[in-house]
Amino acid sequence: MIAVIETGGKQYLVSTGSKVQIEKLEGLKGDTLKFDKVLFTAEGSKYTVGKPYISGASVEATIIRQGRGKKIEVLKYKAKSKYRRKIGHRQSYTEIEVTKI
C-alpha cells in the first residue's frame, strides 16, 4: 500500500516500511508520529484521491533519527566593487520509517 502525505509544505510518496527524510519535526528517536494530511492512497489497482485530504485516513511512523544535511555554500559577488560574501547552510531533517497506513 502506498500513500502521499503532506508535511512541512511538501508532499512525500510513502509505503509501509519505507524510510523518508522530511522537514524537521519535534521529537526524539523512537517517538511515534501520526500524519493526518493524506492526499492519496492506493492498494493494487484500487485508489482513493482526497479533495484535498482523505477524511479518516492517517499514516503512522516512528522517528529513526534527527540530522542535518550536507552543507550548501552560497557565494555573492559584485564586479568592480570588491564585494564578496560566502555563507553556508545546513538544512535540518527528521528521518522516519512508516509503520502503518
PDB file of N, CA and C in Angstrom:
ATOM      1  N   MET A   1       0.844  -1.172   0.000  1.00  0.00           N
ATOM      2  CA  MET A   1       0.000   0.000   0.000  1.00  0.00           C
ATOM      3  C   MET A   1       0.888   1.234   0.000  1.00  0.00           C
ATOM      4  N   ILE A   2       0.515   2.241  -0.795  1.00  0.00           N
ATOM      5  CA  ILE A   2       1.260   3.488  -0.848  1.00  0.00           C
ATOM      6  C   ILE A   2       0.340   4.648  -0.511  1.00  0.00           C
ATOM      7  N   ALA A   3       0.953   5.763  -0.122  1.00  0.00           N
ATOM      8  CA  ALA A   3       0.189   6.962   0.207  1.00  0.00           C
ATOM      9  C   ALA A   3       1.038   8.187  -0.086  1.00  0.00           C
ATOM     10  N   VAL A   4       0.376   9.302  -0.324  1.00  0.00           N
ATOM     11  CA  VAL A   4       1.048  10.593  -0.462  1.00  0.00           C
ATOM     12  C   VAL A   4       0.619  11.435   0.727  1.00  0.00           C
ATOM     13  N   ILE A   5       1.616  11.883   1.525  1.00  0.00           N
ATOM     14  CA  ILE A   5       1.315  12.702   2.697  1.00  0.00           C
ATOM     15  C   ILE A   5       1.896  14.088   2.501  1.00  0.00           C
ATOM     16  N   GLU A   6       1.349  15.045   3.248  1.00  0.00           N
ATOM     17  CA  GLU A   6       1.843  16.411   3.204  1.00  0.00           C
ATOM     18  C   GLU A   6       2.346  16.790   4.588  1.00  0.00           C
ATOM     19  N   THR A   7       3.582  17.270   4.660  1.00  0.00           N
ATOM     20  CA  THR A   7       4.157  17.755   5.903  1.00  0.00           C
ATOM     21  C   THR A   7       5.265  18.738   5.582  1.00  0.00           C
ATOM     22  N   GLY A   8       5.345  19.794   6.346  1.00  0.00           N
ATOM     23  CA  GLY A   8       6.381  20.791   6.129  1.00  0.00           C
ATOM     24  C   GLY A   8       6.258  21.520   4.811  1.00  0.00           C
ATOM     25  N   GLY A   9       5.034  21.603   4.261  1.00  0.00           N
ATOM     26  CA  GLY A   9       4.823  22.288   2.995  1.00  0.00           C
ATOM     27  C   GLY A   9       5.243  21.487   1.779  1.00  0.00           C
ATOM     28  N   LYS A  10       5.576  20.209   1.970  1.00  0.00           N
ATOM     29  CA  LYS A  10       5.995  19.353   0.863  1.00  0.00           C
ATOM     30  C   LYS A  10       5.182  18.067   0.874  1.00  0.00           C
ATOM     31  N   GLN A  11       5.183  17.380  -0.259  1.00  0.00           N
ATOM     32  CA  GLN A  11       4.456  16.122  -0.375  1.00  0.00           C
ATOM     33  C   GLN A  11       5.453  14.974  -0.546  1.00  0.00           C
ATOM     34  N   TYR A  12       5.166  13.854   0.099  1.00  0.00           N
ATOM     35  CA  TYR A  12       6.051  12.695   0.070  1.00  0.00           C
ATOM     36  C   TYR A  12       5.262  11.442  -0.271  1.00  0.00           C
ATOM     37  N   LEU A  13       5.808  10.621  -1.159  1.00  0.00           N
ATOM     38  CA  LEU A  13       5.231   9.325  -1.503  1.00  0.00           C
ATOM     39  C   LEU A  13       5.844   8.295  -0.567  1.00  0.00           C
ATOM     40  N   VAL A  14       5.004   7.633   0.232  1.00  0.00           N
ATOM     41  CA  VAL A  14       5.494   6.678   1.224  1.00  0.00           C
ATOM     42  C   VAL A  14       4.777   5.343   1.066  1.00  0.00           C
ATOM     43  N   SER A  15       5.432   4.298   1.529  1.00  0.00           N
ATOM     44  CA  SER A  15       4.815   2.975   1.586  1.00  0.00           C
ATOM     45  C   SER A  15       5.198   2.360   2.926  1.00  0.00           C
ATOM     46  N   THR A  16       4.511   1.311   3.316  1.00  0.00           N
ATOM     47  CA  THR A  16       4.781   0.676   4.601  1.00  0.00           C
ATOM     48  C   THR A  16       6.208   0.134   4.613  1.00  0.00           C
ATOM     49  N   GLY A  17       6.970   0.513   5.630  1.00  0.00           N
ATOM     50  CA  GLY A  17       8.354   0.079   5.759  1.00  0.00           C
ATOM     51  C   GLY A  17       9.374   0.990   5.108  1.00  0.00           C
ATOM     52  N   SER A  18       8.913   2.026   4.394  1.00  0.00           N
ATOM     53  CA  SER A  18       9.858   2.916   3.720  1.00  0.00           C
ATOM     54  C   SER A  18      10.452   3.931   4.692  1.00  0.00           C
ATOM     55  N   LYS A  19      11.677   4.363   4.405  1.00  0.00           N
ATOM     56  CA  LYS A  19      12.361   5.375   5.198  1.00  0.00           C
ATOM     57  C   LYS A  19      12.425   6.652   4.384  1.00  0.00           C
ATOM     58  N   VAL A  20      12.037   7.771   5.012  1.00  0.00           N
ATOM     59  CA  VAL A  20      11.945   9.048   4.310  1.00  0.00           C
ATOM     60  C   VAL A  20      12.553  10.142   5.171  1.00  0.00           C
ATOM     61  N   GLN A  21      13.282  11.071   4.530  1.00  0.00           N
ATOM     62  CA  GLN A  21      13.785  12.252   5.226  1.00  0.00           C
ATOM     63  C   GLN A  21      12.826  13.393   4.948  1.00  0.00           C
ATOM     64  N   ILE A  22      12.217  13.920   6.018  1.00  0.00           N
ATOM     65  CA  ILE A  22      11.247  15.006   5.888  1.00  0.00           C
ATOM     66  C   ILE A  22      11.777  16.242   6.608  1.00  0.00           C
ATOM     67  N   GLU A  23      11.072  17.355   6.455  1.00  0.00           N
ATOM     68  CA  GLU A  23      11.435  18.577   7.173  1.00  0.00           C
ATOM     69  C   GLU A  23      11.402  18.305   8.668  1.00  0.00           C
ATOM     70  N   LYS A  24      12.250  18.988   9.416  1.00  0.00           N
ATOM     71  CA  LYS A  24      12.429  18.720  10.838  1.00  0.00           C
ATOM     72  C   LYS A  24      11.120  18.844  11.617  1.00  0.00           C
ATOM     73  N   LEU A  25      10.844  17.812  12.429  1.00  0.00           N
ATOM     74  CA  LEU A  25       9.713  17.800  13.349  1.00  0.00           C
ATOM     75  C   LEU A  25      10.240  17.555  14.754  1.00  0.00           C
ATOM     76  N   GLU A  26       9.532  18.061  15.753  1.00  0.00           N
ATOM     77  CA  GLU A  26       9.949  17.866  17.133  1.00  0.00           C
ATOM     78  C   GLU A  26       9.735  16.413  17.533  1.00  0.00           C
ATOM     79  N   GLY A  27      10.633  15.891  18.338  1.00  0.00           N
ATOM     80  CA  GLY A  27      10.508  14.520  18.828  1.00  0.00           C
ATOM     81  C   GLY A  27      11.875  13.883  18.988  1.00  0.00           C
ATOM     82  N   LEU A  28      11.895  12.799  19.723  1.00  0.00           N
ATOM     83  CA  LEU A  28      13.128  12.060  19.966  1.00  0.00           C
ATOM     84  C   LEU A  28      13.113  10.751  19.200  1.00  0.00           C
ATOM     85  N   LYS A  29      14.281  10.113  19.125  1.00  0.00           N
ATOM     86  CA  LYS A  29      14.403   8.826  18.443  1.00  0.00           C
ATOM     87  C   LYS A  29      13.468   7.814  19.098  1.00  0.00           C
ATOM     88  N   GLY A  30      12.659   7.129  18.284  1.00  0.00           N
ATOM     89  CA  GLY A  30      11.731   6.130  18.791  1.00  0.00           C
ATOM     90  C   GLY A  30      10.317   6.647  18.998  1.00  0.00           C
ATOM     91  N   ASP A  31      10.115   7.973  18.962  1.00  0.00           N
ATOM     92  CA  ASP A  31       8.773   8.533  19.119  1.00  0.00           C
ATOM     93  C   ASP A  31       7.913   8.189  17.908  1.00  0.00           C
ATOM     94  N   THR A  32       6.596   8.125  18.134  1.00  0.00           N
ATOM     95  CA  THR A  32       5.649   7.819  17.066  1.00  0.00           C
ATOM     96  C   THR A  32       4.990   9.104  16.583  1.00  0.00           C
ATOM     97  N   LEU A  33       4.892   9.262  15.262  1.00  0.00           N
ATOM     98  CA  LEU A  33       4.241  10.409  14.653  1.00  0.00           C
ATOM     99  C   LEU A  33       3.013   9.932  13.889  1.00  0.00           C
ATOM    100  N   LYS A  34       2.005  10.802  13.808  1.00  0.00           N
ATOM    101  CA  LYS A  34       0.790  10.482  13.057  1.00  0.00           C
ATOM    102  C   LYS A  34       0.530  11.618  12.076  1.00  0.00           C
ATOM    103  N   PHE A  35       0.429  11.293  10.794  1.00  0.00           N
ATOM    104  CA  PHE A  35       0.182  12.271   9.738  1.00  0.00           C
ATOM    105  C   PHE A  35      -1.266  12.139   9.280  1.00  0.00           C
ATOM    106  N   ASP A  36      -2.060  13.189   9.469  1.00  0.00           N
ATOM    107  CA  ASP A  36      -3.472  13.175   9.082  1.00  0.00           C
ATOM    108  C   ASP A  36      -3.710  13.766   7.694  1.00  0.00           C
ATOM    109  N   LYS A  37      -2.743  14.502   7.175  1.00  0.00           N
ATOM    110  CA  LYS A  37      -2.898  15.127   5.860  1.00  0.00           C
ATOM    111  C   LYS A  37      -2.484  14.137   4.775  1.00  0.00           C
ATOM    112  N   VAL A  38      -3.391  13.215   4.460  1.00  0.00           N
ATOM    113  CA  VAL A  38      -3.157  12.190   3.440  1.00  0.00           C
ATOM    114  C   VAL A  38      -3.893  12.623   2.176  1.00  0.00           C
ATOM    115  N   LEU A  39      -3.143  12.764   1.089  1.00  0.00           N
ATOM    116  CA  LEU A  39      -3.709  13.249  -0.169  1.00  0.00           C
ATOM    117  C   LEU A  39      -4.155  12.125  -1.097  1.00  0.00           C
ATOM    118  N   PHE A  40      -3.514  10.953  -0.991  1.00  0.00           N
ATOM    119  CA  PHE A  40      -3.753   9.872  -1.941  1.00  0.00           C
ATOM    120  C   PHE A  40      -3.360   8.548  -1.299  1.00  0.00           C
ATOM    121  N   THR A  41      -4.166   7.516  -1.522  1.00  0.00           N
ATOM    122  CA  THR A  41      -3.807   6.157  -1.100  1.00  0.00           C
ATOM    123  C   THR A  41      -4.100   5.203  -2.253  1.00  0.00           C
ATOM    124  N   ALA A  42      -3.303   4.155  -2.331  1.00  0.00           N
ATOM    125  CA  ALA A  42      -3.519   3.151  -3.374  1.00  0.00           C
ATOM    126  C   ALA A  42      -3.093   1.786  -2.857  1.00  0.00           C
ATOM    127  N   GLU A  43      -3.908   0.789  -3.211  1.00  0.00           N
ATOM    128  CA  GLU A  43      -3.584  -0.597  -2.892  1.00  0.00           C
ATOM    129  C   GLU A  43      -3.957  -1.427  -4.109  1.00  0.00           C
ATOM    130  N   GLY A  44      -2.937  -1.901  -4.811  1.00  0.00           N
ATOM    131  CA  GLY A  44      -3.186  -2.607  -6.066  1.00  0.00           C
ATOM    132  C   GLY A  44      -3.726  -1.645  -7.105  1.00  0.00           C
ATOM    133  N   SER A  45      -4.870  -1.992  -7.718  1.00  0.00           N
ATOM    134  CA  SER A  45      -5.476  -1.105  -8.716  1.00  0.00           C
ATOM    135  C   SER A  45      -6.568  -0.228  -8.094  1.00  0.00           C
ATOM    136  N   LYS A  46      -6.791  -0.357  -6.786  1.00  0.00           N
ATOM    137  CA  LYS A  46      -7.806   0.431  -6.088  1.00  0.00           C
ATOM    138  C   LYS A  46      -7.137   1.645  -5.442  1.00  0.00           C
ATOM    139  N   TYR A  47      -7.651   2.831  -5.734  1.00  0.00           N
ATOM    140  CA  TYR A  47      -7.050   4.036  -5.177  1.00  0.00           C
ATOM    141  C   TYR A  47      -8.104   5.028  -4.714  1.00  0.00           C
ATOM    142  N   THR A  48      -7.681   5.950  -3.834  1.00  0.00           N
ATOM    143  CA  THR A  48      -8.552   6.987  -3.309  1.00  0.00           C
ATOM    144  C   THR A  48      -7.816   8.321  -3.389  1.00  0.00           C
ATOM    145  N   VAL A  49      -8.500   9.326  -3.911  1.00  0.00           N
ATOM    146  CA  VAL A  49      -7.908  10.656  -4.034  1.00  0.00           C
ATOM    147  C   VAL A  49      -8.698  11.606  -3.141  1.00  0.00           C
ATOM    148  N   GLY A  50      -8.000  12.416  -2.363  1.00  0.00           N
ATOM    149  CA  GLY A  50      -8.653  13.354  -1.457  1.00  0.00           C
ATOM    150  C   GLY A  50      -8.967  14.670  -2.128  1.00  0.00           C
ATOM    151  N   LYS A  51      -9.859  15.438  -1.488  1.00  0.00           N
ATOM    152  CA  LYS A  51     -10.266  16.748  -2.009  1.00  0.00           C
ATOM    153  C   LYS A  51     -10.208  17.782  -0.900  1.00  0.00           C
ATOM    154  N   PRO A  52      -9.139  18.310  -0.431  1.00  0.00           N
ATOM    155  CA  PRO A  52      -7.762  17.971  -0.769  1.00  0.00           C
ATOM    156  C   PRO A  52      -7.215  16.790   0.039  1.00  0.00           C
ATOM    157  N   TYR A  53      -7.833  16.494   1.212  1.00  0.00           N
ATOM    158  CA  TYR A  53      -7.336  15.393   2.037  1.00  0.00           C
ATOM    159  C   TYR A  53      -8.395  14.302   2.149  1.00  0.00           C
ATOM    160  N   ILE A  54      -7.957  13.094   2.458  1.00  0.00           N
ATOM    161  CA  ILE A  54      -8.868  11.970   2.653  1.00  0.00           C
ATOM    162  C   ILE A  54      -9.279  11.967   4.117  1.00  0.00           C
ATOM    163  N   SER A  55     -10.577  12.066   4.373  1.00  0.00           N
ATOM    164  CA  SER A  55     -11.046  12.087   5.762  1.00  0.00           C
ATOM    165  C   SER A  55     -10.943  10.690   6.364  1.00  0.00           C
ATOM    166  N   GLY A  56     -10.428  10.619   7.576  1.00  0.00           N
ATOM    167  CA  GLY A  56     -10.295   9.357   8.277  1.00  0.00           C
ATOM    168  C   GLY A  56      -9.025   8.587   7.976  1.00  0.00           C
ATOM    169  N   ALA A  57      -8.256   9.029   7.008  1.00  0.00           N
ATOM    170  CA  ALA A  57      -7.014   8.330   6.669  1.00  0.00           C
ATOM    171  C   ALA A  57      -5.852   8.934   7.447  1.00  0.00           C
ATOM    172  N   SER A  58      -4.907   8.089   7.831  1.00  0.00           N
ATOM    173  CA  SER A  58      -3.723   8.577   8.525  1.00  0.00           C
ATOM    174  C   SER A  58      -2.553   7.638   8.265  1.00  0.00           C
ATOM    175  N   VAL A  59      -1.349   8.168   8.469  1.00  0.00           N
ATOM    176  CA  VAL A  59      -0.125   7.406   8.306  1.00  0.00           C
ATOM    177  C   VAL A  59       0.645   7.507   9.614  1.00  0.00           C
ATOM    178  N   GLU A  60       1.072   6.362  10.150  1.00  0.00           N
ATOM    179  CA  GLU A  60       1.849   6.343  11.388  1.00  0.00           C
ATOM    180  C   GLU A  60       3.296   6.015  11.059  1.00  0.00           C
ATOM    181  N   ALA A  61       4.216   6.687  11.760  1.00  0.00           N
ATOM    182  CA  ALA A  61       5.643   6.481  11.522  1.00  0.00           C
ATOM    183  C   ALA A  61       6.407   6.652  12.823  1.00  0.00           C
ATOM    184  N   THR A  62       7.611   6.083  12.868  1.00  0.00           N
ATOM    185  CA  THR A  62       8.485   6.261  14.025  1.00  0.00           C
ATOM    186  C   THR A  62       9.720   7.023  13.588  1.00  0.00           C
ATOM    187  N   ILE A  63      10.251   7.829  14.493  1.00  0.00           N
ATOM    188  CA  ILE A  63      11.437   8.626  14.209  1.00  0.00           C
ATOM    189  C   ILE A  63      12.672   7.733  14.327  1.00  0.00           C
ATOM    190  N   ILE A  64      13.475   7.703  13.279  1.00  0.00           N
ATOM    191  CA  ILE A  64      14.721   6.942  13.301  1.00  0.00           C
ATOM    192  C   ILE A  64      15.853   7.820  13.831  1.00  0.00           C
ATOM    193  N   ARG A  65      15.934   9.064  13.305  1.00  0.00           N
ATOM    194  CA  ARG A  65      16.960   9.982  13.786  1.00  0.00           C
ATOM    195  C   ARG A  65      16.662  11.409  13.362  1.00  0.00           C
ATOM    196  N   GLN A  66      17.278  12.335  14.077  1.00  0.00           N
ATOM    197  CA  GLN A  66      17.250  13.750  13.728  1.00  0.00           C
ATOM    198  C   GLN A  66      18.633  14.067  13.169  1.00  0.00           C
ATOM    199  N   GLY A  67      18.699  14.766  12.061  1.00  0.00           N
ATOM    200  CA  GLY A  67      20.004  15.032  11.462  1.00  0.00           C
ATOM    201  C   GLY A  67      20.038  16.339  10.703  1.00  0.00           C
ATOM    202  N   ARG A  68      21.191  16.583  10.076  1.00  0.00           N
ATOM    203  CA  ARG A  68      21.377  17.760   9.252  1.00  0.00           C
ATOM    204  C   ARG A  68      21.989  17.322   7.931  1.00  0.00           C
ATOM    205  N   GLY A  69      21.555  17.972   6.848  1.00  0.00           N
ATOM    206  CA  GLY A  69      22.014  17.613   5.517  1.00  0.00           C
ATOM    207  C   GLY A  69      23.397  18.143   5.205  1.00  0.00           C
ATOM    208  N   LYS A  70      23.837  17.951   3.978  1.00  0.00           N
ATOM    209  CA  LYS A  70      25.129  18.440   3.532  1.00  0.00           C
ATOM    210  C   LYS A  70      25.133  19.961   3.485  1.00  0.00           C
ATOM    211  N   LYS A  71      26.318  20.530   3.636  1.00  0.00           N
ATOM    212  CA  LYS A  71      26.438  21.985   3.608  1.00  0.00           C
ATOM    213  C   LYS A  71      26.307  22.500   2.176  1.00  0.00           C
ATOM    214  N   ILE A  72      25.521  23.560   2.038  1.00  0.00           N
ATOM    215  CA  ILE A  72      25.365  24.249   0.766  1.00  0.00           C
ATOM    216  C   ILE A  72      26.064  25.589   0.912  1.00  0.00           C
ATOM    217  N   GLU A  73      26.988  25.896   0.017  1.00  0.00           N
ATOM    218  CA  GLU A  73      27.704  27.163   0.067  1.00  0.00           C
ATOM    219  C   GLU A  73      27.098  28.129  -0.937  1.00  0.00           C
ATOM    220  N   VAL A  74      26.871  29.363  -0.494  1.00  0.00           N
ATOM    221  CA  VAL A  74      26.301  30.401  -1.334  1.00  0.00           C
ATOM    222  C   VAL A  74      27.335  31.500  -1.464  1.00  0.00           C
ATOM    223  N   LEU A  75      27.667  31.872  -2.698  1.00  0.00           N
ATOM    224  CA  LEU A  75      28.638  32.926  -2.957  1.00  0.00           C
ATOM    225  C   LEU A  75      27.931  34.117  -3.579  1.00  0.00           C
ATOM    226  N   LYS A  76      28.239  35.313  -3.061  1.00  0.00           N
ATOM    227  CA  LYS A  76      27.722  36.546  -3.649  1.00  0.00           C
ATOM    228  C   LYS A  76      28.917  37.338  -4.156  1.00  0.00           C
ATOM    229  N   TYR A  77      28.781  37.947  -5.324  1.00  0.00           N
ATOM    230  CA  TYR A  77      29.896  38.663  -5.932  1.00  0.00           C
ATOM    231  C   TYR A  77      29.357  39.810  -6.769  1.00  0.00           C
ATOM    232  N   LYS A  78      29.967  40.972  -6.621  1.00  0.00           N
ATOM    233  CA  LYS A  78      29.621  42.109  -7.478  1.00  0.00           C
ATOM    234  C   LYS A  78      30.903  42.613  -8.115  1.00  0.00           C
ATOM    235  N   ALA A  79      30.885  42.719  -9.413  1.00  0.00           N
ATOM    236  CA  ALA A  79      32.069  43.121 -10.154  1.00  0.00           C
ATOM    237  C   ALA A  79      32.464  44.566  -9.852  1.00  0.00           C
ATOM    238  N   LYS A  80      33.743  44.829  -9.873  1.00  0.00           N
ATOM    239  CA  LYS A  80      34.332  46.172  -9.777  1.00  0.00           C
ATOM    240  C   LYS A  80      34.079  46.874  -8.459  1.00  0.00           C
ATOM    241  N   SER A  81      33.602  46.172  -7.423  1.00  0.00           N
ATOM    242  CA  SER A  81      33.342  46.849  -6.147  1.00  0.00           C
ATOM    243  C   SER A  81      33.963  46.125  -4.957  1.00  0.00           C
ATOM    244  N   LYS A  82      34.763  45.114  -5.208  1.00  0.00           N
ATOM    245  CA  LYS A  82      35.419  44.319  -4.161  1.00  0.00           C
ATOM    246  C   LYS A  82      34.413  43.741  -3.169  1.00  0.00           C
ATOM    247  N   TYR A  83      33.225  43.378  -3.648  1.00  0.00           N
ATOM    248  CA  TYR A  83      32.179  42.815  -2.800  1.00  0.00           C
ATOM    249  C   TYR A  83      32.139  41.311  -3.002  1.00  0.00           C
ATOM    250  N   ARG A  84      32.450  40.570  -1.937  1.00  0.00           N
ATOM    251  CA  ARG A  84      32.382  39.113  -1.970  1.00  0.00           C
ATOM    252  C   ARG A  84      31.855  38.631  -0.627  1.00  0.00           C
ATOM    253  N   ARG A  85      30.911  37.707  -0.659  1.00  0.00           N
ATOM    254  CA  ARG A  85      30.372  37.120   0.563  1.00  0.00           C
ATOM    255  C   ARG A  85      30.223  35.616   0.357  1.00  0.00           C
ATOM    256  N   LYS A  86      30.593  34.862   1.372  1.00  0.00           N
ATOM    257  CA  LYS A  86      30.448  33.410   1.313  1.00  0.00           C
ATOM    258  C   LYS A  86      29.717  32.981   2.570  1.00  0.00           C
ATOM    259  N   ILE A  87      28.564  32.346   2.400  1.00  0.00           N
ATOM    260  CA  ILE A  87      27.802  31.847   3.531  1.00  0.00           C
ATOM    261  C   ILE A  87      27.439  30.386   3.278  1.00  0.00           C
ATOM    262  N   GLY A  88      27.218  29.647   4.352  1.00  0.00           N
ATOM    263  CA  GLY A  88      26.857  28.242   4.236  1.00  0.00           C
ATOM    264  C   GLY A  88      25.549  27.963   4.964  1.00  0.00           C
ATOM    265  N   HIS A  89      24.924  26.855   4.606  1.00  0.00           N
ATOM    266  CA  HIS A  89      23.650  26.475   5.227  1.00  0.00           C
ATOM    267  C   HIS A  89      23.556  24.957   5.264  1.00  0.00           C
ATOM    268  N   ARG A  90      23.091  24.439   6.403  1.00  0.00           N
ATOM    269  CA  ARG A  90      22.796  23.006   6.538  1.00  0.00           C
ATOM    270  C   ARG A  90      21.356  22.871   6.991  1.00  0.00           C
ATOM    271  N   GLN A  91      20.536  22.195   6.192  1.00  0.00           N
ATOM    272  CA  GLN A  91      19.124  22.030   6.492  1.00  0.00           C
ATOM    273  C   GLN A  91      18.920  20.873   7.464  1.00  0.00           C
ATOM    274  N   SER A  92      18.137  21.103   8.506  1.00  0.00           N
ATOM    275  CA  SER A  92      17.815  20.048   9.463  1.00  0.00           C
ATOM    276  C   SER A  92      16.704  19.160   8.901  1.00  0.00           C
ATOM    277  N   TYR A  93      16.740  17.875   9.254  1.00  0.00           N
ATOM    278  CA  TYR A  93      15.714  16.944   8.793  1.00  0.00           C
ATOM    279  C   TYR A  93      15.417  15.918   9.872  1.00  0.00           C
ATOM    280  N   THR A  94      14.286  15.238   9.706  1.00  0.00           N
ATOM    281  CA  THR A  94      13.894  14.124  10.553  1.00  0.00           C
ATOM    282  C   THR A  94      13.735  12.909   9.651  1.00  0.00           C
ATOM    283  N   GLU A  95      14.422  11.825   9.965  1.00  0.00           N
ATOM    284  CA  GLU A  95      14.282  10.598   9.185  1.00  0.00           C
ATOM    285  C   GLU A  95      13.262   9.703   9.886  1.00  0.00           C
ATOM    286  N   ILE A  96      12.246   9.287   9.130  1.00  0.00           N
ATOM    287  CA  ILE A  96      11.172   8.470   9.700  1.00  0.00           C
ATOM    288  C   ILE A  96      11.068   7.147   8.951  1.00  0.00           C
ATOM    289  N   GLU A  97      10.475   6.165   9.622  1.00  0.00           N
ATOM    290  CA  GLU A  97      10.137   4.890   8.995  1.00  0.00           C
ATOM    291  C   GLU A  97       8.639   4.690   9.146  1.00  0.00           C
ATOM    292  N   VAL A  98       7.952   4.507   8.016  1.00  0.00           N
ATOM    293  CA  VAL A  98       6.498   4.358   8.013  1.00  0.00           C
ATOM    294  C   VAL A  98       6.148   2.959   8.525  1.00  0.00           C
ATOM    295  N   THR A  99       5.263   2.911   9.534  1.00  0.00           N
ATOM    296  CA  THR A  99       4.873   1.629  10.119  1.00  0.00           C
ATOM    297  C   THR A  99       3.476   1.184   9.715  1.00  0.00           C
ATOM    298  N   LYS A 100       2.576   2.149   9.487  1.00  0.00           N
ATOM    299  CA  LYS A 100       1.186   1.772   9.207  1.00  0.00           C
ATOM    300  C   LYS A 100       0.527   2.848   8.345  1.00  0.00           C
ATOM    301  N   ILE A 101      -0.241   2.394   7.353  1.00  0.00           N
ATOM    302  CA  ILE A 101      -1.020   3.333   6.525  1.00  0.00           C
ATOM    303  C   ILE A 101      -2.493   3.016   6.743  1.00  0.00           C
TER     304      ILE A 101
END
